[in-house]
Protein backbone atom coordinates (compact mmCIF):
# COMPACT_ATOMS: atom_id res chain seq x y z
CA ILE A 1 16.14 -1.47 -39.52
CA THR A 2 18.25 -4.57 -38.77
CA LYS A 3 16.80 -6.40 -41.76
CA LEU A 4 17.51 -3.43 -44.03
CA MET A 5 21.11 -3.24 -42.83
CA GLU A 6 21.52 -7.00 -43.46
CA ILE A 7 20.25 -6.62 -47.04
CA LEU A 8 22.55 -3.67 -47.70
CA SER A 9 25.53 -5.58 -46.24
CA ASN A 10 24.81 -8.60 -48.42
CA LEU A 11 24.55 -6.43 -51.53
CA THR A 12 27.84 -4.74 -50.66
CA VAL A 13 29.82 -7.97 -50.23
CA ARG A 14 28.34 -9.39 -53.43
CA LEU A 15 29.84 -6.41 -55.29
CA PHE A 16 33.23 -7.82 -54.26
CA GLY A 17 32.35 -11.30 -55.47
CA ILE A 18 31.73 -12.76 -52.00
CA ASP A 19 28.78 -15.04 -51.27
CA PRO A 20 27.32 -13.90 -47.91
CA ASN A 21 25.66 -17.30 -47.43
CA HIS A 22 28.92 -19.22 -47.85
CA THR A 23 30.03 -21.15 -44.77
CA GLU A 24 33.49 -22.40 -44.00
CA ASP A 25 34.26 -26.05 -44.72
CA ASP A 26 34.24 -28.46 -41.77
CA VAL A 27 37.43 -28.52 -39.78
CA THR A 28 39.53 -31.54 -40.74
CA GLU A 29 41.18 -33.99 -38.38
CA ASP A 30 44.64 -32.81 -39.48
CA GLU A 31 43.74 -29.20 -38.67
CA ILE A 32 42.64 -30.21 -35.17
CA ILE A 33 45.88 -32.13 -34.63
CA ASP A 34 47.88 -29.10 -35.81
CA LEU A 35 46.00 -26.89 -33.33
CA VAL A 36 46.68 -29.36 -30.53
CA ASP A 37 50.39 -29.49 -31.37
CA GLU A 38 50.58 -25.71 -31.52
CA ALA A 39 48.77 -25.39 -28.19
CA HIS A 40 51.22 -27.86 -26.65
CA GLU A 41 54.24 -25.97 -28.01
CA GLN A 42 52.86 -22.75 -26.52
CA GLY A 43 52.28 -24.41 -23.18
CA ILE A 44 48.51 -24.05 -23.30
CA ILE A 45 47.94 -27.79 -22.88
CA GLN A 46 50.20 -30.37 -21.26
CA GLU A 47 52.06 -33.10 -23.13
CA SER A 48 49.87 -35.81 -21.58
CA GLU A 49 46.72 -34.01 -22.73
CA ALA A 50 48.06 -33.61 -26.26
CA GLU A 51 49.02 -37.28 -26.35
CA MET A 52 45.52 -38.32 -25.26
CA ILE A 53 43.96 -36.28 -28.06
CA HIS A 54 46.34 -37.85 -30.58
CA ASN A 55 45.45 -41.30 -29.25
CA ILE A 56 41.72 -40.64 -29.63
CA PHE A 57 42.14 -39.78 -33.30
CA GLU A 58 44.37 -42.79 -33.88
CA MET A 59 41.74 -45.18 -32.54
CA ASP A 60 39.56 -44.88 -35.64
CA ASP A 61 42.39 -46.34 -37.73
CA LYS A 62 43.61 -49.00 -35.28
CA PRO A 63 42.34 -52.57 -35.77
CA VAL A 64 41.41 -54.46 -32.62
CA GLU A 65 44.06 -57.04 -33.52
CA GLU A 66 46.75 -54.55 -32.44
CA ILE A 67 45.16 -54.09 -29.01
CA MET A 68 43.92 -57.55 -28.03
CA THR A 69 45.69 -60.14 -25.90
CA HIS A 70 46.54 -63.00 -28.26
CA ARG A 71 45.06 -66.35 -27.36
CA THR A 72 48.52 -67.81 -26.72
CA GLU A 73 48.94 -65.29 -23.88
CA ALA A 74 45.38 -65.49 -22.56
CA ASP A 75 44.46 -67.22 -19.29
CA ILE A 76 41.68 -69.68 -20.10
CA LEU A 77 39.43 -71.92 -18.01
CA TRP A 78 38.46 -75.34 -19.35
CA ILE A 79 34.97 -76.67 -18.75
CA GLU A 80 36.31 -80.15 -18.02
CA ASP A 81 38.62 -78.96 -15.22
CA SER A 82 37.68 -79.16 -11.57
CA LEU A 83 36.58 -76.23 -9.43
CA ASP A 84 39.89 -76.46 -7.57
CA LYS A 85 41.76 -76.02 -10.85
CA TRP A 86 39.63 -72.99 -11.73
CA LYS A 87 40.34 -71.48 -8.31
CA GLU A 88 44.07 -72.14 -8.74
CA VAL A 89 44.12 -70.31 -12.09
CA MET A 90 42.17 -67.34 -10.68
CA ASP A 91 44.33 -67.12 -7.56
CA GLU A 92 47.49 -67.02 -9.67
CA THR A 93 46.35 -64.61 -12.39
CA ASN A 94 43.89 -62.27 -10.61
CA HIS A 95 41.80 -61.31 -13.64
CA THR A 96 38.22 -60.13 -13.37
CA ARG A 97 36.89 -62.25 -16.25
CA TYR A 98 37.91 -65.48 -17.96
CA PRO A 99 36.82 -67.23 -21.15
CA ILE A 100 35.64 -70.82 -20.72
CA CYS A 101 36.54 -73.28 -23.48
CA GLY A 102 35.16 -76.73 -24.24
CA GLU A 103 36.75 -79.38 -26.44
CA SER A 104 39.24 -76.97 -28.03
CA ILE A 105 40.44 -73.40 -27.64
CA ASP A 106 38.19 -72.38 -30.54
CA ASP A 107 35.17 -73.76 -28.65
CA VAL A 108 34.41 -70.76 -26.43
CA LEU A 109 31.39 -71.62 -24.30
CA GLY A 110 31.06 -68.59 -22.08
CA ILE A 111 32.61 -66.01 -19.79
CA VAL A 112 32.88 -66.21 -16.01
CA ASN A 113 33.39 -63.33 -13.60
CA SER A 114 35.81 -64.23 -10.82
CA ARG A 115 33.58 -62.53 -8.25
CA ASP A 116 30.67 -64.74 -9.32
CA PHE A 117 32.92 -67.79 -9.09
CA TYR A 118 34.11 -67.13 -5.54
CA ARG A 119 30.52 -66.50 -4.43
CA PHE A 120 29.60 -69.73 -6.17
CA LEU A 121 32.25 -71.60 -4.17
CA LEU A 122 31.19 -70.06 -0.85
CA SER A 123 27.57 -71.02 -1.49
CA GLY A 124 28.55 -74.62 -2.25
CA GLY A 125 27.56 -74.47 -5.91
CA LYS A 126 28.10 -77.49 -8.14
CA ASP A 127 27.09 -76.55 -11.70
CA VAL A 128 29.34 -73.84 -13.18
CA HIS A 129 26.92 -73.37 -16.06
CA THR A 130 24.76 -71.33 -13.69
CA ILE A 131 27.41 -68.58 -13.45
CA MET A 132 28.56 -68.62 -17.09
CA ARG A 133 27.70 -65.51 -19.10
CA ASP A 134 27.14 -65.18 -22.81
CA VAL A 135 30.17 -64.53 -25.01
CA PHE A 136 30.54 -61.18 -26.77
CA PHE A 137 32.13 -62.16 -30.09
CA ILE A 138 34.07 -59.58 -32.08
CA PRO A 139 35.40 -59.74 -35.68
CA ASP A 140 39.12 -58.98 -35.91
CA THR A 141 38.41 -56.41 -38.63
CA ILE A 142 36.57 -53.98 -36.35
CA LYS A 143 38.30 -50.70 -35.47
CA ALA A 144 39.08 -49.74 -31.88
CA ASP A 145 36.83 -46.67 -31.71
CA GLU A 146 33.83 -48.54 -33.12
CA LEU A 147 34.39 -51.40 -30.68
CA PHE A 148 34.71 -49.04 -27.72
CA SER A 149 31.34 -47.45 -28.53
CA LYS A 150 29.75 -50.85 -29.09
CA MET A 151 31.01 -52.26 -25.78
CA GLN A 152 29.79 -49.20 -23.91
CA LEU A 153 26.38 -49.34 -25.61
CA GLU A 154 25.90 -53.05 -24.88
CA ASN A 155 27.55 -52.89 -21.43
CA GLU A 156 30.14 -55.50 -22.38
CA HIS A 157 33.46 -55.57 -20.52
CA MET A 158 35.21 -58.41 -22.34
CA GLY A 159 35.05 -59.57 -25.93
CA ILE A 160 36.38 -62.62 -27.73
CA VAL A 161 38.05 -61.65 -31.01
CA MET A 162 37.38 -64.11 -33.82
CA ASP A 163 39.51 -64.55 -36.94
CA GLU A 164 38.19 -64.89 -40.49
CA TYR A 165 37.73 -68.65 -40.02
CA GLY A 166 35.67 -68.29 -36.85
CA GLY A 167 38.55 -69.28 -34.58
CA PHE A 168 39.43 -67.80 -31.20
CA HIS A 169 41.98 -65.08 -32.01
CA GLY A 170 42.28 -63.16 -28.77
CA ILE A 171 40.69 -61.22 -25.91
CA VAL A 172 39.96 -57.52 -25.62
CA THR A 173 38.52 -55.62 -22.67
CA GLN A 174 37.19 -52.12 -22.10
CA GLU A 175 40.32 -51.48 -20.06
CA ASP A 176 42.51 -52.39 -23.06
CA LEU A 177 40.66 -49.83 -25.17
CA LEU A 178 40.80 -47.18 -22.47
CA GLU A 179 44.56 -47.69 -22.12
CA GLU A 180 44.93 -46.82 -25.81
CA ILE A 181 43.77 -43.32 -24.83
CA VAL A 182 45.09 -42.66 -21.32
CA GLY A 183 48.08 -45.02 -21.20
CA GLU A 184 48.83 -48.01 -18.98
CA LEU A 185 46.53 -48.57 -16.01
CA TYR A 186 47.72 -50.45 -12.93
CA SER A 187 45.90 -52.32 -10.19
CA GLU A 188 46.88 -53.40 -6.69
CA TYR A 189 47.50 -56.89 -8.09
CA ASP A 190 50.23 -55.89 -10.55
CA GLU A 191 53.72 -57.22 -9.87
CA PRO A 192 56.13 -54.77 -8.11
CA GLU A 193 58.57 -54.77 -11.02
CA ILE A 194 55.76 -53.62 -13.29
CA ILE A 195 54.54 -50.92 -10.90
CA GLU A 196 58.04 -49.47 -10.54
CA GLU A 197 57.92 -48.44 -14.19
CA LYS A 198 55.48 -45.67 -13.20
CA ASP A 199 56.84 -42.15 -12.78
CA ILE A 200 55.63 -41.88 -9.18
CA VAL A 201 55.57 -44.85 -6.81
CA LYS A 202 54.65 -44.87 -3.13
CA LEU A 203 57.25 -46.98 -1.29
CA GLU A 204 55.94 -46.53 2.25
CA GLU A 205 54.23 -43.94 4.42
CA ASN A 206 55.55 -40.48 3.42
CA VAL A 207 58.17 -42.05 1.13
CA TRP A 208 57.83 -41.85 -2.64
CA LYS A 209 60.05 -42.79 -5.57
CA ILE A 210 59.77 -40.21 -8.34
CA ASN A 211 61.31 -40.25 -11.81
CA GLY A 212 63.86 -37.42 -11.88
CA SER A 213 62.86 -36.27 -15.34
């Protein structure tokens, strides 16, 4: 009976020039964005949620060059420097990972994790090559969303961005890519003047500074 009704229904709609097997076209990115904006205006989703969705769609058009830390602003370790110098740089900058360069800044030899380095010092290690990790090189033409997926797939947390001539262009981390979606992330090592830019800041026990808006 169900099959008969389906046949009769299909014949009926065909009389009106409608193809019963026709399916709607795929929803476009612009249509999704319009729905998100409308949902935000109606109060269904919050502004922060709408912004995150916008940021996700923007990532497929954003080159990694716009996200990376340029090499002139990067904290670098030099293979020829002493262990004391390495420790001084790490103590002052408090990053998790550092690129290690050889004869020039374009000669990137490896990556070192600061946790590995401090363990290395405590154990009395002498040869830093034993704690150096392979470099994850990235072309500066890659898009942010593609890079994010690639870094997750290969479990890479830091990449060295290379320019068209094979030179060291900059550094990008998974955190940099994540911040493109969720906004600025802060750690306990950030300077106080930077932290105070947040909307809510804990000043002391039971005392908070909150942006009035």
